Amino acid sequence: MTEKITKVDIITSPNRLEDLMDELDKIGVTGMTVSNVSGCGLQRGHKEYYRGTPVEIKLLAKVKVEIVICEIPVDKLVETVKKVLYTGNIGDGKIFVYDVVNVIRISDGTEGIDALR
């Protein structure tokens, strides 16, 4: 295994997911895992009213998109995500970039970059 494999996690609001998926498809991202998650960051939640009573909502609904890439440049992926998700407001999301040591396809034991193809 000589080529670099990278995992990128993106956490953002659910209403931005379709636009993000469309743009990722345009740059050649062929697979991803999407999970519905809850969390808070700088927003620290918000206040809603239920039957006239204020209720603190501390965890906000988010989506987590996990992508593993080897052929698409990481910088291109990150710039695409930033372009799609940027509004300039708190809550646009976060991008996490990790090095991947190995990938193994369970069905046939293929390892490394070949397991992603």
PDB file of N, CA and C in Angstrom:
ATOM      1  N   MET A   1       0.858  -1.181   0.000  1.00  0.00           N
ATOM      2  CA  MET A   1       0.000   0.000   0.000  1.00  0.00           C
ATOM      3  C   MET A   1       0.899   1.237   0.000  1.00  0.00           C
ATOM      4  N   THR A   2       0.980   1.895  -1.147  1.00  0.00           N
ATOM      5  CA  THR A   2       1.875   3.038  -1.249  1.00  0.00           C
ATOM      6  C   THR A   2       1.139   4.364  -1.372  1.00  0.00           C
ATOM      7  N   GLU A   3      -0.092   4.357  -1.873  1.00  0.00           N
ATOM      8  CA  GLU A   3      -0.832   5.597  -2.022  1.00  0.00           C
ATOM      9  C   GLU A   3      -1.543   5.960  -0.722  1.00  0.00           C
ATOM     10  N   LYS A   4      -1.831   7.246  -0.578  1.00  0.00           N
ATOM     11  CA  LYS A   4      -2.439   7.741   0.653  1.00  0.00           C
ATOM     12  C   LYS A   4      -3.965   7.596   0.609  1.00  0.00           C
ATOM     13  N   ILE A   5      -4.532   7.132   1.707  1.00  0.00           N
ATOM     14  CA  ILE A   5      -5.982   7.018   1.862  1.00  0.00           C
ATOM     15  C   ILE A   5      -6.383   7.991   2.963  1.00  0.00           C
ATOM     16  N   THR A   6      -7.424   8.766   2.722  1.00  0.00           N
ATOM     17  CA  THR A   6      -7.852   9.794   3.664  1.00  0.00           C
ATOM     18  C   THR A   6      -9.337   9.650   3.945  1.00  0.00           C
ATOM     19  N   LYS A   7      -9.694   9.848   5.207  1.00  0.00           N
ATOM     20  CA  LYS A   7     -11.109   9.880   5.605  1.00  0.00           C
ATOM     21  C   LYS A   7     -11.460  11.320   5.945  1.00  0.00           C
ATOM     22  N   VAL A   8     -12.601  11.766   5.432  1.00  0.00           N
ATOM     23  CA  VAL A   8     -13.096  13.105   5.714  1.00  0.00           C
ATOM     24  C   VAL A   8     -14.484  12.977   6.328  1.00  0.00           C
ATOM     25  N   ASP A   9     -14.654  13.534   7.520  1.00  0.00           N
ATOM     26  CA  ASP A   9     -15.961  13.592   8.182  1.00  0.00           C
ATOM     27  C   ASP A   9     -16.473  15.012   8.090  1.00  0.00           C
ATOM     28  N   ILE A  10     -17.722  15.156   7.712  1.00  0.00           N
ATOM     29  CA  ILE A  10     -18.361  16.459   7.593  1.00  0.00           C
ATOM     30  C   ILE A  10     -19.598  16.442   8.478  1.00  0.00           C
ATOM     31  N   ILE A  11     -19.710  17.424   9.352  1.00  0.00           N
ATOM     32  CA  ILE A  11     -20.906  17.542  10.190  1.00  0.00           C
ATOM     33  C   ILE A  11     -21.567  18.865   9.847  1.00  0.00           C
ATOM     34  N   THR A  12     -22.846  18.808   9.482  1.00  0.00           N
ATOM     35  CA  THR A  12     -23.562  20.019   9.090  1.00  0.00           C
ATOM     36  C   THR A  12     -25.054  19.834   9.339  1.00  0.00           C
ATOM     37  N   SER A  13     -25.826  20.834   8.979  1.00  0.00           N
ATOM     38  CA  SER A  13     -27.275  20.750   9.201  1.00  0.00           C
ATOM     39  C   SER A  13     -27.924  19.894   8.109  1.00  0.00           C
ATOM     40  N   PRO A  14     -28.996  19.190   8.459  1.00  0.00           N
ATOM     41  CA  PRO A  14     -29.632  18.270   7.512  1.00  0.00           C
ATOM     42  C   PRO A  14     -30.153  18.941   6.245  1.00  0.00           C
ATOM     43  N   ASN A  15     -30.557  20.186   6.335  1.00  0.00           N
ATOM     44  CA  ASN A  15     -31.133  20.842   5.153  1.00  0.00           C
ATOM     45  C   ASN A  15     -30.090  21.173   4.090  1.00  0.00           C
ATOM     46  N   ARG A  16     -28.809  20.987   4.373  1.00  0.00           N
ATOM     47  CA  ARG A  16     -27.748  21.257   3.401  1.00  0.00           C
ATOM     48  C   ARG A  16     -27.256  19.980   2.711  1.00  0.00           C
ATOM     49  N   LEU A  17     -27.765  18.823   3.125  1.00  0.00           N
ATOM     50  CA  LEU A  17     -27.240  17.539   2.660  1.00  0.00           C
ATOM     51  C   LEU A  17     -27.399  17.344   1.156  1.00  0.00           C
ATOM     52  N   GLU A  18     -28.552  17.615   0.599  1.00  0.00           N
ATOM     53  CA  GLU A  18     -28.775  17.375  -0.837  1.00  0.00           C
ATOM     54  C   GLU A  18     -27.824  18.198  -1.702  1.00  0.00           C
ATOM     55  N   ASP A  19     -27.643  19.490  -1.363  1.00  0.00           N
ATOM     56  CA  ASP A  19     -26.709  20.327  -2.115  1.00  0.00           C
ATOM     57  C   ASP A  19     -25.291  19.780  -2.011  1.00  0.00           C
ATOM     58  N   LEU A  20     -24.909  19.343  -0.821  1.00  0.00           N
ATOM     59  CA  LEU A  20     -23.576  18.791  -0.610  1.00  0.00           C
ATOM     60  C   LEU A  20     -23.383  17.523  -1.443  1.00  0.00           C
ATOM     61  N   MET A  21     -24.346  16.631  -1.422  1.00  0.00           N
ATOM     62  CA  MET A  21     -24.238  15.386  -2.179  1.00  0.00           C
ATOM     63  C   MET A  21     -24.135  15.657  -3.681  1.00  0.00           C
ATOM     64  N   ASP A  22     -24.888  16.624  -4.180  1.00  0.00           N
ATOM     65  CA  ASP A  22     -24.831  16.971  -5.601  1.00  0.00           C
ATOM     66  C   ASP A  22     -23.438  17.446  -6.002  1.00  0.00           C
ATOM     67  N   GLU A  23     -22.845  18.316  -5.198  1.00  0.00           N
ATOM     68  CA  GLU A  23     -21.512  18.847  -5.514  1.00  0.00           C
ATOM     69  C   GLU A  23     -20.428  17.781  -5.363  1.00  0.00           C
ATOM     70  N   LEU A  24     -20.553  16.911  -4.368  1.00  0.00           N
ATOM     71  CA  LEU A  24     -19.574  15.837  -4.204  1.00  0.00           C
ATOM     72  C   LEU A  24     -19.619  14.880  -5.386  1.00  0.00           C
ATOM     73  N   ASP A  25     -20.806  14.633  -5.909  1.00  0.00           N
ATOM     74  CA  ASP A  25     -20.947  13.783  -7.086  1.00  0.00           C
ATOM     75  C   ASP A  25     -20.223  14.409  -8.287  1.00  0.00           C
ATOM     76  N   LYS A  26     -20.295  15.728  -8.418  1.00  0.00           N
ATOM     77  CA  LYS A  26     -19.646  16.422  -9.541  1.00  0.00           C
ATOM     78  C   LYS A  26     -18.132  16.306  -9.519  1.00  0.00           C
ATOM     79  N   ILE A  27     -17.524  16.166  -8.332  1.00  0.00           N
ATOM     80  CA  ILE A  27     -16.066  16.047  -8.268  1.00  0.00           C
ATOM     81  C   ILE A  27     -15.603  14.589  -8.222  1.00  0.00           C
ATOM     82  N   GLY A  28     -16.556  13.651  -8.309  1.00  0.00           N
ATOM     83  CA  GLY A  28     -16.185  12.244  -8.425  1.00  0.00           C
ATOM     84  C   GLY A  28     -16.257  11.413  -7.169  1.00  0.00           C
ATOM     85  N   VAL A  29     -16.861  11.922  -6.115  1.00  0.00           N
ATOM     86  CA  VAL A  29     -17.040  11.113  -4.904  1.00  0.00           C
ATOM     87  C   VAL A  29     -18.095  10.061  -5.209  1.00  0.00           C
ATOM     88  N   THR A  30     -17.714   8.785  -5.084  1.00  0.00           N
ATOM     89  CA  THR A  30     -18.619   7.704  -5.481  1.00  0.00           C
ATOM     90  C   THR A  30     -19.314   7.025  -4.314  1.00  0.00           C
ATOM     91  N   GLY A  31     -18.842   7.257  -3.098  1.00  0.00           N
ATOM     92  CA  GLY A  31     -19.468   6.613  -1.953  1.00  0.00           C
ATOM     93  C   GLY A  31     -19.326   7.442  -0.702  1.00  0.00           C
ATOM     94  N   MET A  32     -20.285   7.296   0.166  1.00  0.00           N
ATOM     95  CA  MET A  32     -20.264   8.006   1.441  1.00  0.00           C
ATOM     96  C   MET A  32     -21.200   7.308   2.404  1.00  0.00           C
ATOM     97  N   THR A  33     -21.014   7.575   3.677  1.00  0.00           N
ATOM     98  CA  THR A  33     -21.924   7.106   4.709  1.00  0.00           C
ATOM     99  C   THR A  33     -22.515   8.343   5.367  1.00  0.00           C
ATOM    100  N   VAL A  34     -23.839   8.376   5.485  1.00  0.00           N
ATOM    101  CA  VAL A  34     -24.529   9.513   6.089  1.00  0.00           C
ATOM    102  C   VAL A  34     -25.296   9.031   7.313  1.00  0.00           C
ATOM    103  N   SER A  35     -25.074   9.713   8.441  1.00  0.00           N
ATOM    104  CA  SER A  35     -25.755   9.369   9.691  1.00  0.00           C
ATOM    105  C   SER A  35     -26.459  10.600  10.244  1.00  0.00           C
ATOM    106  N   ASN A  36     -27.628  10.392  10.820  1.00  0.00           N
ATOM    107  CA  ASN A  36     -28.294  11.470  11.550  1.00  0.00           C
ATOM    108  C   ASN A  36     -27.719  11.477  12.957  1.00  0.00           C
ATOM    109  N   VAL A  37     -27.213  12.623  13.376  1.00  0.00           N
ATOM    110  CA  VAL A  37     -26.598  12.747  14.691  1.00  0.00           C
ATOM    111  C   VAL A  37     -27.148  13.984  15.395  1.00  0.00           C
ATOM    112  N   SER A  38     -26.867  14.101  16.670  1.00  0.00           N
ATOM    113  CA  SER A  38     -27.226  15.280  17.449  1.00  0.00           C
ATOM    114  C   SER A  38     -25.969  15.815  18.095  1.00  0.00           C
ATOM    115  N   GLY A  39     -25.899  17.126  18.253  1.00  0.00           N
ATOM    116  CA  GLY A  39     -24.727  17.685  18.902  1.00  0.00           C
ATOM    117  C   GLY A  39     -24.865  19.181  19.098  1.00  0.00           C
ATOM    118  N   CYS A  40     -23.863  19.734  19.740  1.00  0.00           N
ATOM    119  CA  CYS A  40     -23.815  21.176  19.909  1.00  0.00           C
ATOM    120  C   CYS A  40     -22.362  21.613  19.879  1.00  0.00           C
ATOM    121  N   GLY A  41     -22.167  22.825  19.459  1.00  0.00           N
ATOM    122  CA  GLY A  41     -20.842  23.426  19.434  1.00  0.00           C
ATOM    123  C   GLY A  41     -20.960  24.810  20.019  1.00  0.00           C
ATOM    124  N   LEU A  42     -20.524  25.781  19.271  1.00  0.00           N
ATOM    125  CA  LEU A  42     -20.614  27.161  19.730  1.00  0.00           C
ATOM    126  C   LEU A  42     -22.059  27.617  19.896  1.00  0.00           C
ATOM    127  N   GLN A  43     -22.975  26.983  19.163  1.00  0.00           N
ATOM    128  CA  GLN A  43     -24.382  27.373  19.244  1.00  0.00           C
ATOM    129  C   GLN A  43     -24.966  27.106  20.633  1.00  0.00           C
ATOM    130  N   ARG A  44     -24.515  26.046  21.258  1.00  0.00           N
ATOM    131  CA  ARG A  44     -25.021  25.645  22.574  1.00  0.00           C
ATOM    132  C   ARG A  44     -26.530  25.454  22.592  1.00  0.00           C
ATOM    133  N   GLY A  45     -27.108  25.046  21.481  1.00  0.00           N
ATOM    134  CA  GLY A  45     -28.539  24.805  21.423  1.00  0.00           C
ATOM    135  C   GLY A  45     -29.320  26.092  21.234  1.00  0.00           C
ATOM    136  N   HIS A  46     -30.617  25.999  21.462  1.00  0.00           N
ATOM    137  CA  HIS A  46     -31.484  27.171  21.334  1.00  0.00           C
ATOM    138  C   HIS A  46     -32.729  26.978  22.192  1.00  0.00           C
ATOM    139  N   LYS A  47     -33.515  28.014  22.269  1.00  0.00           N
ATOM    140  CA  LYS A  47     -34.729  27.973  23.086  1.00  0.00           C
ATOM    141  C   LYS A  47     -35.948  27.878  22.165  1.00  0.00           C
ATOM    142  N   GLU A  48     -36.831  26.942  22.464  1.00  0.00           N
ATOM    143  CA  GLU A  48     -38.106  26.813  21.779  1.00  0.00           C
ATOM    144  C   GLU A  48     -39.204  26.942  22.815  1.00  0.00           C
ATOM    145  N   TYR A  49     -40.406  27.161  22.336  1.00  0.00           N
ATOM    146  CA  TYR A  49     -41.549  27.284  23.241  1.00  0.00           C
ATOM    147  C   TYR A  49     -42.522  26.153  22.977  1.00  0.00           C
ATOM    148  N   TYR A  50     -42.886  25.459  24.051  1.00  0.00           N
ATOM    149  CA  TYR A  50     -43.857  24.378  23.983  1.00  0.00           C
ATOM    150  C   TYR A  50     -45.022  24.759  24.875  1.00  0.00           C
ATOM    151  N   ARG A  51     -46.174  25.016  24.262  1.00  0.00           N
ATOM    152  CA  ARG A  51     -47.380  25.448  24.988  1.00  0.00           C
ATOM    153  C   ARG A  51     -47.092  26.653  25.869  1.00  0.00           C
ATOM    154  N   GLY A  52     -46.321  27.588  25.321  1.00  0.00           N
ATOM    155  CA  GLY A  52     -46.035  28.829  26.026  1.00  0.00           C
ATOM    156  C   GLY A  52     -44.914  28.763  27.039  1.00  0.00           C
ATOM    157  N   THR A  53     -44.342  27.583  27.234  1.00  0.00           N
ATOM    158  CA  THR A  53     -43.263  27.416  28.202  1.00  0.00           C
ATOM    159  C   THR A  53     -41.934  27.290  27.463  1.00  0.00           C
ATOM    160  N   PRO A  54     -40.934  28.094  27.845  1.00  0.00           N
ATOM    161  CA  PRO A  54     -39.632  27.977  27.173  1.00  0.00           C
ATOM    162  C   PRO A  54     -38.944  26.654  27.509  1.00  0.00           C
ATOM    163  N   VAL A  55     -38.378  26.016  26.477  1.00  0.00           N
ATOM    164  CA  VAL A  55     -37.680  24.747  26.628  1.00  0.00           C
ATOM    165  C   VAL A  55     -36.311  24.894  25.962  1.00  0.00           C
ATOM    166  N   GLU A  56     -35.256  24.568  26.697  1.00  0.00           N
ATOM    167  CA  GLU A  56     -33.899  24.620  26.145  1.00  0.00           C
ATOM    168  C   GLU A  56     -33.636  23.359  25.320  1.00  0.00           C
ATOM    169  N   ILE A  57     -33.307  23.533  24.061  1.00  0.00           N
ATOM    170  CA  ILE A  57     -32.905  22.438  23.193  1.00  0.00           C
ATOM    171  C   ILE A  57     -31.379  22.491  23.115  1.00  0.00           C
ATOM    172  N   LYS A  58     -30.713  21.597  23.826  1.00  0.00           N
ATOM    173  CA  LYS A  58     -29.253  21.662  23.917  1.00  0.00           C
ATOM    174  C   LYS A  58     -28.553  20.920  22.785  1.00  0.00           C
ATOM    175  N   LEU A  59     -29.151  19.869  22.280  1.00  0.00           N
ATOM    176  CA  LEU A  59     -28.557  19.120  21.181  1.00  0.00           C
ATOM    177  C   LEU A  59     -29.348  19.384  19.912  1.00  0.00           C
ATOM    178  N   LEU A  60     -28.647  19.795  18.866  1.00  0.00           N
ATOM    179  CA  LEU A  60     -29.275  20.128  17.600  1.00  0.00           C
ATOM    180  C   LEU A  60     -29.145  18.970  16.615  1.00  0.00           C
ATOM    181  N   ALA A  61     -30.144  18.820  15.744  1.00  0.00           N
ATOM    182  CA  ALA A  61     -30.109  17.778  14.716  1.00  0.00           C
ATOM    183  C   ALA A  61     -29.055  18.138  13.677  1.00  0.00           C
ATOM    184  N   LYS A  62     -28.178  17.209  13.387  1.00  0.00           N
ATOM    185  CA  LYS A  62     -27.117  17.382  12.396  1.00  0.00           C
ATOM    186  C   LYS A  62     -27.016  16.117  11.560  1.00  0.00           C
ATOM    187  N   VAL A  63     -26.278  16.183  10.468  1.00  0.00           N
ATOM    188  CA  VAL A  63     -25.922  14.987   9.710  1.00  0.00           C
ATOM    189  C   VAL A  63     -24.410  14.877   9.690  1.00  0.00           C
ATOM    190  N   LYS A  64     -23.939  13.637   9.713  1.00  0.00           N
ATOM    191  CA  LYS A  64     -22.504  13.364   9.621  1.00  0.00           C
ATOM    192  C   LYS A  64     -22.283  12.594   8.327  1.00  0.00           C
ATOM    193  N   VAL A  65     -21.449  13.152   7.463  1.00  0.00           N
ATOM    194  CA  VAL A  65     -21.114  12.530   6.188  1.00  0.00           C
ATOM    195  C   VAL A  65     -19.676  12.033   6.286  1.00  0.00           C
ATOM    196  N   GLU A  66     -19.482  10.741   6.073  1.00  0.00           N
ATOM    197  CA  GLU A  66     -18.151  10.146   6.140  1.00  0.00           C
ATOM    198  C   GLU A  66     -17.742   9.698   4.738  1.00  0.00           C
ATOM    199  N   ILE A  67     -16.560  10.149   4.308  1.00  0.00           N
ATOM    200  CA  ILE A  67     -16.066   9.850   2.967  1.00  0.00           C
ATOM    201  C   ILE A  67     -14.629   9.357   3.090  1.00  0.00           C
ATOM    202  N   VAL A  68     -14.296   8.285   2.374  1.00  0.00           N
ATOM    203  CA  VAL A  68     -12.923   7.802   2.306  1.00  0.00           C
ATOM    204  C   VAL A  68     -12.465   7.956   0.864  1.00  0.00           C
ATOM    205  N   ILE A  69     -11.344   8.679   0.667  1.00  0.00           N
ATOM    206  CA  ILE A  69     -10.872   8.969  -0.681  1.00  0.00           C
ATOM    207  C   ILE A  69      -9.404   8.587  -0.837  1.00  0.00           C
ATOM    208  N   CYS A  70      -9.023   8.304  -2.093  1.00  0.00           N
ATOM    209  CA  CYS A  70      -7.619   8.057  -2.394  1.00  0.00           C
ATOM    210  C   CYS A  70      -7.220   8.710  -3.711  1.00  0.00           C
ATOM    211  N   GLU A  71      -8.158   8.914  -4.614  1.00  0.00           N
ATOM    212  CA  GLU A  71      -7.837   9.468  -5.925  1.00  0.00           C
ATOM    213  C   GLU A  71      -8.218  10.935  -6.052  1.00  0.00           C
ATOM    214  N   ILE A  72      -9.186  11.388  -5.296  1.00  0.00           N
ATOM    215  CA  ILE A  72      -9.606  12.795  -5.319  1.00  0.00           C
ATOM    216  C   ILE A  72      -8.697  13.561  -4.364  1.00  0.00           C
ATOM    217  N   PRO A  73      -8.115  14.679  -4.806  1.00  0.00           N
ATOM    218  CA  PRO A  73      -7.272  15.457  -3.888  1.00  0.00           C
ATOM    219  C   PRO A  73      -8.070  15.964  -2.683  1.00  0.00           C
ATOM    220  N   VAL A  74      -7.488  15.816  -1.503  1.00  0.00           N
ATOM    221  CA  VAL A  74      -8.161  16.228  -0.269  1.00  0.00           C
ATOM    222  C   VAL A  74      -8.498  17.717  -0.322  1.00  0.00           C
ATOM    223  N   ASP A  75      -7.574  18.531  -0.819  1.00  0.00           N
ATOM    224  CA  ASP A  75      -7.818  19.978  -0.895  1.00  0.00           C
ATOM    225  C   ASP A  75      -9.035  20.300  -1.754  1.00  0.00           C
ATOM    226  N   LYS A  76      -9.195  19.573  -2.855  1.00  0.00           N
ATOM    227  CA  LYS A  76     -10.353  19.798  -3.737  1.00  0.00           C
ATOM    228  C   LYS A  76     -11.654  19.442  -3.018  1.00  0.00           C
ATOM    229  N   LEU A  77     -11.639  18.332  -2.290  1.00  0.00           N
ATOM    230  CA  LEU A  77     -12.824  17.914  -1.532  1.00  0.00           C
ATOM    231  C   LEU A  77     -13.172  18.947  -0.469  1.00  0.00           C
ATOM    232  N   VAL A  78     -12.177  19.377   0.295  1.00  0.00           N
ATOM    233  CA  VAL A  78     -12.411  20.334   1.374  1.00  0.00           C
ATOM    234  C   VAL A  78     -12.921  21.663   0.807  1.00  0.00           C
ATOM    235  N   GLU A  79     -12.334  22.150  -0.270  1.00  0.00           N
ATOM    236  CA  GLU A  79     -12.782  23.411  -0.875  1.00  0.00           C
ATOM    237  C   GLU A  79     -14.219  23.307  -1.389  1.00  0.00           C
ATOM    238  N   THR A  80     -14.568  22.161  -1.964  1.00  0.00           N
ATOM    239  CA  THR A  80     -15.934  21.949  -2.441  1.00  0.00           C
ATOM    240  C   THR A  80     -16.921  21.984  -1.282  1.00  0.00           C
ATOM    241  N   VAL A  81     -16.593  21.293  -0.198  1.00  0.00           N
ATOM    242  CA  VAL A  81     -17.474  21.264   0.980  1.00  0.00           C
ATOM    243  C   VAL A  81     -17.637  22.663   1.554  1.00  0.00           C
ATOM    244  N   LYS A  82     -16.538  23.379   1.695  1.00  0.00           N
ATOM    245  CA  LYS A  82     -16.598  24.738   2.241  1.00  0.00           C
ATOM    246  C   LYS A  82     -17.456  25.645   1.359  1.00  0.00           C
ATOM    247  N   LYS A  83     -17.303  25.519   0.046  1.00  0.00           N
ATOM    248  CA  LYS A  83     -18.072  26.350  -0.890  1.00  0.00           C
ATOM    249  C   LYS A  83     -19.578  26.088  -0.762  1.00  0.00           C
ATOM    250  N   VAL A  84     -19.942  24.820  -0.631  1.00  0.00           N
ATOM    251  CA  VAL A  84     -21.362  24.451  -0.569  1.00  0.00           C
ATOM    252  C   VAL A  84     -21.989  24.830   0.768  1.00  0.00           C
ATOM    253  N   LEU A  85     -21.272  24.606   1.863  1.00  0.00           N
ATOM    254  CA  LEU A  85     -21.869  24.766   3.192  1.00  0.00           C
ATOM    255  C   LEU A  85     -21.729  26.164   3.784  1.00  0.00           C
ATOM    256  N   TYR A  86     -20.881  27.002   3.226  1.00  0.00           N
ATOM    257  CA  TYR A  86     -20.613  28.314   3.827  1.00  0.00           C
ATOM    258  C   TYR A  86     -21.816  29.255   3.744  1.00  0.00           C
ATOM    259  N   THR A  87     -22.234  29.767   4.900  1.00  0.00           N
ATOM    260  CA  THR A  87     -23.224  30.855   4.958  1.00  0.00           C
ATOM    261  C   THR A  87     -22.662  32.023   5.744  1.00  0.00           C
ATOM    262  N   GLY A  88     -21.589  31.776   6.486  1.00  0.00           N
ATOM    263  CA  GLY A  88     -21.006  32.810   7.331  1.00  0.00           C
ATOM    264  C   GLY A  88     -21.605  32.856   8.721  1.00  0.00           C
ATOM    265  N   ASN A  89     -22.517  31.939   9.010  1.00  0.00           N
ATOM    266  CA  ASN A  89     -23.176  31.905  10.316  1.00  0.00           C
ATOM    267  C   ASN A  89     -22.682  30.716  11.130  1.00  0.00           C
ATOM    268  N   ILE A  90     -22.790  30.845  12.449  1.00  0.00           N
ATOM    269  CA  ILE A  90     -22.497  29.712  13.307  1.00  0.00           C
ATOM    270  C   ILE A  90     -23.462  28.587  12.938  1.00  0.00           C
ATOM    271  N   GLY A  91     -22.940  27.374  12.871  1.00  0.00           N
ATOM    272  CA  GLY A  91     -23.783  26.239  12.522  1.00  0.00           C
ATOM    273  C   GLY A  91     -23.553  25.734  11.113  1.00  0.00           C
ATOM    274  N   ASP A  92     -22.633  26.370  10.356  1.00  0.00           N
ATOM    275  CA  ASP A  92     -22.331  25.880   9.009  1.00  0.00           C
ATOM    276  C   ASP A  92     -21.777  24.464   9.055  1.00  0.00           C
ATOM    277  N   GLY A  93     -21.042  24.124  10.103  1.00  0.00           N
ATOM    278  CA  GLY A  93     -20.547  22.764  10.250  1.00  0.00           C
ATOM    279  C   GLY A  93     -19.057  22.705  10.480  1.00  0.00           C
ATOM    280  N   LYS A  94     -18.543  21.488  10.475  1.00  0.00           N
ATOM    281  CA  LYS A  94     -17.125  21.215  10.676  1.00  0.00           C
ATOM    282  C   LYS A  94     -16.677  20.162   9.675  1.00  0.00           C
ATOM    283  N   ILE A  95     -15.378  20.198   9.345  1.00  0.00           N
ATOM    284  CA  ILE A  95     -14.752  19.200   8.494  1.00  0.00           C
ATOM    285  C   ILE A  95     -13.575  18.628   9.277  1.00  0.00           C
ATOM    286  N   PHE A  96     -13.518  17.299   9.368  1.00  0.00           N
ATOM    287  CA  PHE A  96     -12.414  16.619  10.038  1.00  0.00           C
ATOM    288  C   PHE A  96     -11.700  15.753   9.007  1.00  0.00           C
ATOM    289  N   VAL A  97     -10.373  15.807   8.966  1.00  0.00           N
ATOM    290  CA  VAL A  97      -9.583  15.055   7.989  1.00  0.00           C
ATOM    291  C   VAL A  97      -8.643  14.118   8.746  1.00  0.00           C
ATOM    292  N   TYR A  98      -8.664  12.833   8.363  1.00  0.00           N
ATOM    293  CA  TYR A  98      -7.865  11.810   9.035  1.00  0.00           C
ATOM    294  C   TYR A  98      -7.076  10.999   8.005  1.00  0.00           C
ATOM    295  N   ASP A  99      -5.903  10.533   8.392  1.00  0.00           N
ATOM    296  CA  ASP A  99      -5.176   9.553   7.593  1.00  0.00           C
ATOM    297  C   ASP A  99      -5.740   8.173   7.912  1.00  0.00           C
ATOM    298  N   VAL A 100      -5.870   7.333   6.881  1.00  0.00           N
ATOM    299  CA  VAL A 100      -6.364   5.967   7.055  1.00  0.00           C
ATOM    300  C   VAL A 100      -5.183   5.010   6.873  1.00  0.00           C
ATOM    301  N   VAL A 101      -5.019   4.114   7.808  1.00  0.00           N
ATOM    302  CA  VAL A 101      -3.911   3.163   7.760  1.00  0.00           C
ATOM    303  C   VAL A 101      -4.170   2.072   6.730  1.00  0.00           C
ATOM    304  N   ASN A 102      -5.389   1.544   6.691  1.00  0.00           N
ATOM    305  CA  ASN A 102      -5.706   0.461   5.769  1.00  0.00           C
ATOM    306  C   ASN A 102      -7.216   0.378   5.576  1.00  0.00           C
ATOM    307  N   VAL A 103      -7.625  -0.190   4.447  1.00  0.00           N
ATOM    308  CA  VAL A 103      -9.025  -0.482   4.143  1.00  0.00           C
ATOM    309  C   VAL A 103      -9.072  -1.941   3.716  1.00  0.00           C
ATOM    310  N   ILE A 104     -10.038  -2.675   4.237  1.00  0.00           N
ATOM    311  CA  ILE A 104     -10.170  -4.093   3.901  1.00  0.00           C
ATOM    312  C   ILE A 104     -11.606  -4.353   3.466  1.00  0.00           C
ATOM    313  N   ARG A 105     -11.764  -4.881   2.254  1.00  0.00           N
ATOM    314  CA  ARG A 105     -13.095  -5.282   1.786  1.00  0.00           C
ATOM    315  C   ARG A 105     -13.374  -6.662   2.370  1.00  0.00           C
ATOM    316  N   ILE A 106     -14.408  -6.777   3.147  1.00  0.00           N
ATOM    317  CA  ILE A 106     -14.709  -8.012   3.870  1.00  0.00           C
ATOM    318  C   ILE A 106     -15.054  -9.163   2.922  1.00  0.00           C
ATOM    319  N   SER A 107     -15.767  -8.896   1.830  1.00  0.00           N
ATOM    320  CA  SER A 107     -16.257  -9.974   0.973  1.00  0.00           C
ATOM    321  C   SER A 107     -15.152 -10.792   0.309  1.00  0.00           C
ATOM    322  N   ASP A 108     -14.010 -10.157  -0.004  1.00  0.00           N
ATOM    323  CA  ASP A 108     -12.956 -10.918  -0.660  1.00  0.00           C
ATOM    324  C   ASP A 108     -11.555 -10.692  -0.076  1.00  0.00           C
ATOM    325  N   GLY A 109     -11.451  -9.901   0.976  1.00  0.00           N
ATOM    326  CA  GLY A 109     -10.180  -9.703   1.627  1.00  0.00           C
ATOM    327  C   GLY A 109      -9.253  -8.708   0.962  1.00  0.00           C
ATOM    328  N   THR A 110      -9.705  -8.060  -0.122  1.00  0.00           N
ATOM    329  CA  THR A 110      -8.880  -7.060  -0.794  1.00  0.00           C
ATOM    330  C   THR A 110      -8.533  -5.945   0.166  1.00  0.00           C
ATOM    331  N   GLU A 111      -7.274  -5.481   0.092  1.00  0.00           N
ATOM    332  CA  GLU A 111      -6.820  -4.442   1.010  1.00  0.00           C
ATOM    333  C   GLU A 111      -6.311  -3.216   0.256  1.00  0.00           C
ATOM    334  N   GLY A 112      -6.218  -2.118   1.015  1.00  0.00           N
ATOM    335  CA  GLY A 112      -5.666  -0.868   0.484  1.00  0.00           C
ATOM    336  C   GLY A 112      -6.590  -0.190  -0.509  1.00  0.00           C
ATOM    337  N   ILE A 113      -5.993   0.518  -1.425  1.00  0.00           N
ATOM    338  CA  ILE A 113      -6.762   1.301  -2.407  1.00  0.00           C
ATOM    339  C   ILE A 113      -7.655   0.412  -3.261  1.00  0.00           C
ATOM    340  N   ASP A 114      -7.205  -0.797  -3.570  1.00  0.00           N
ATOM    341  CA  ASP A 114      -8.034  -1.719  -4.365  1.00  0.00           C
ATOM    342  C   ASP A 114      -9.355  -2.024  -3.676  1.00  0.00           C
ATOM    343  N   ALA A 115      -9.402  -1.963  -2.365  1.00  0.00           N
ATOM    344  CA  ALA A 115     -10.645  -2.222  -1.633  1.00  0.00           C
ATOM    345  C   ALA A 115     -11.648  -1.082  -1.805  1.00  0.00           C
ATOM    346  N   LEU A 116     -11.161   0.088  -2.225  1.00  0.00           N
ATOM    347  CA  LEU A 116     -12.055   1.230  -2.446  1.00  0.00           C
ATOM    348  C   LEU A 116     -12.595   1.285  -3.880  1.00  0.00           C
ATOM    349  N   ARG A 117     -11.985   0.564  -4.775  1.00  0.00           N
ATOM    350  CA  ARG A 117     -12.376   0.615  -6.189  1.00  0.00           C
ATOM    351  C   ARG A 117     -13.426  -0.396  -6.509  1.00  0.00           C
TER     352      ARG A 117
END
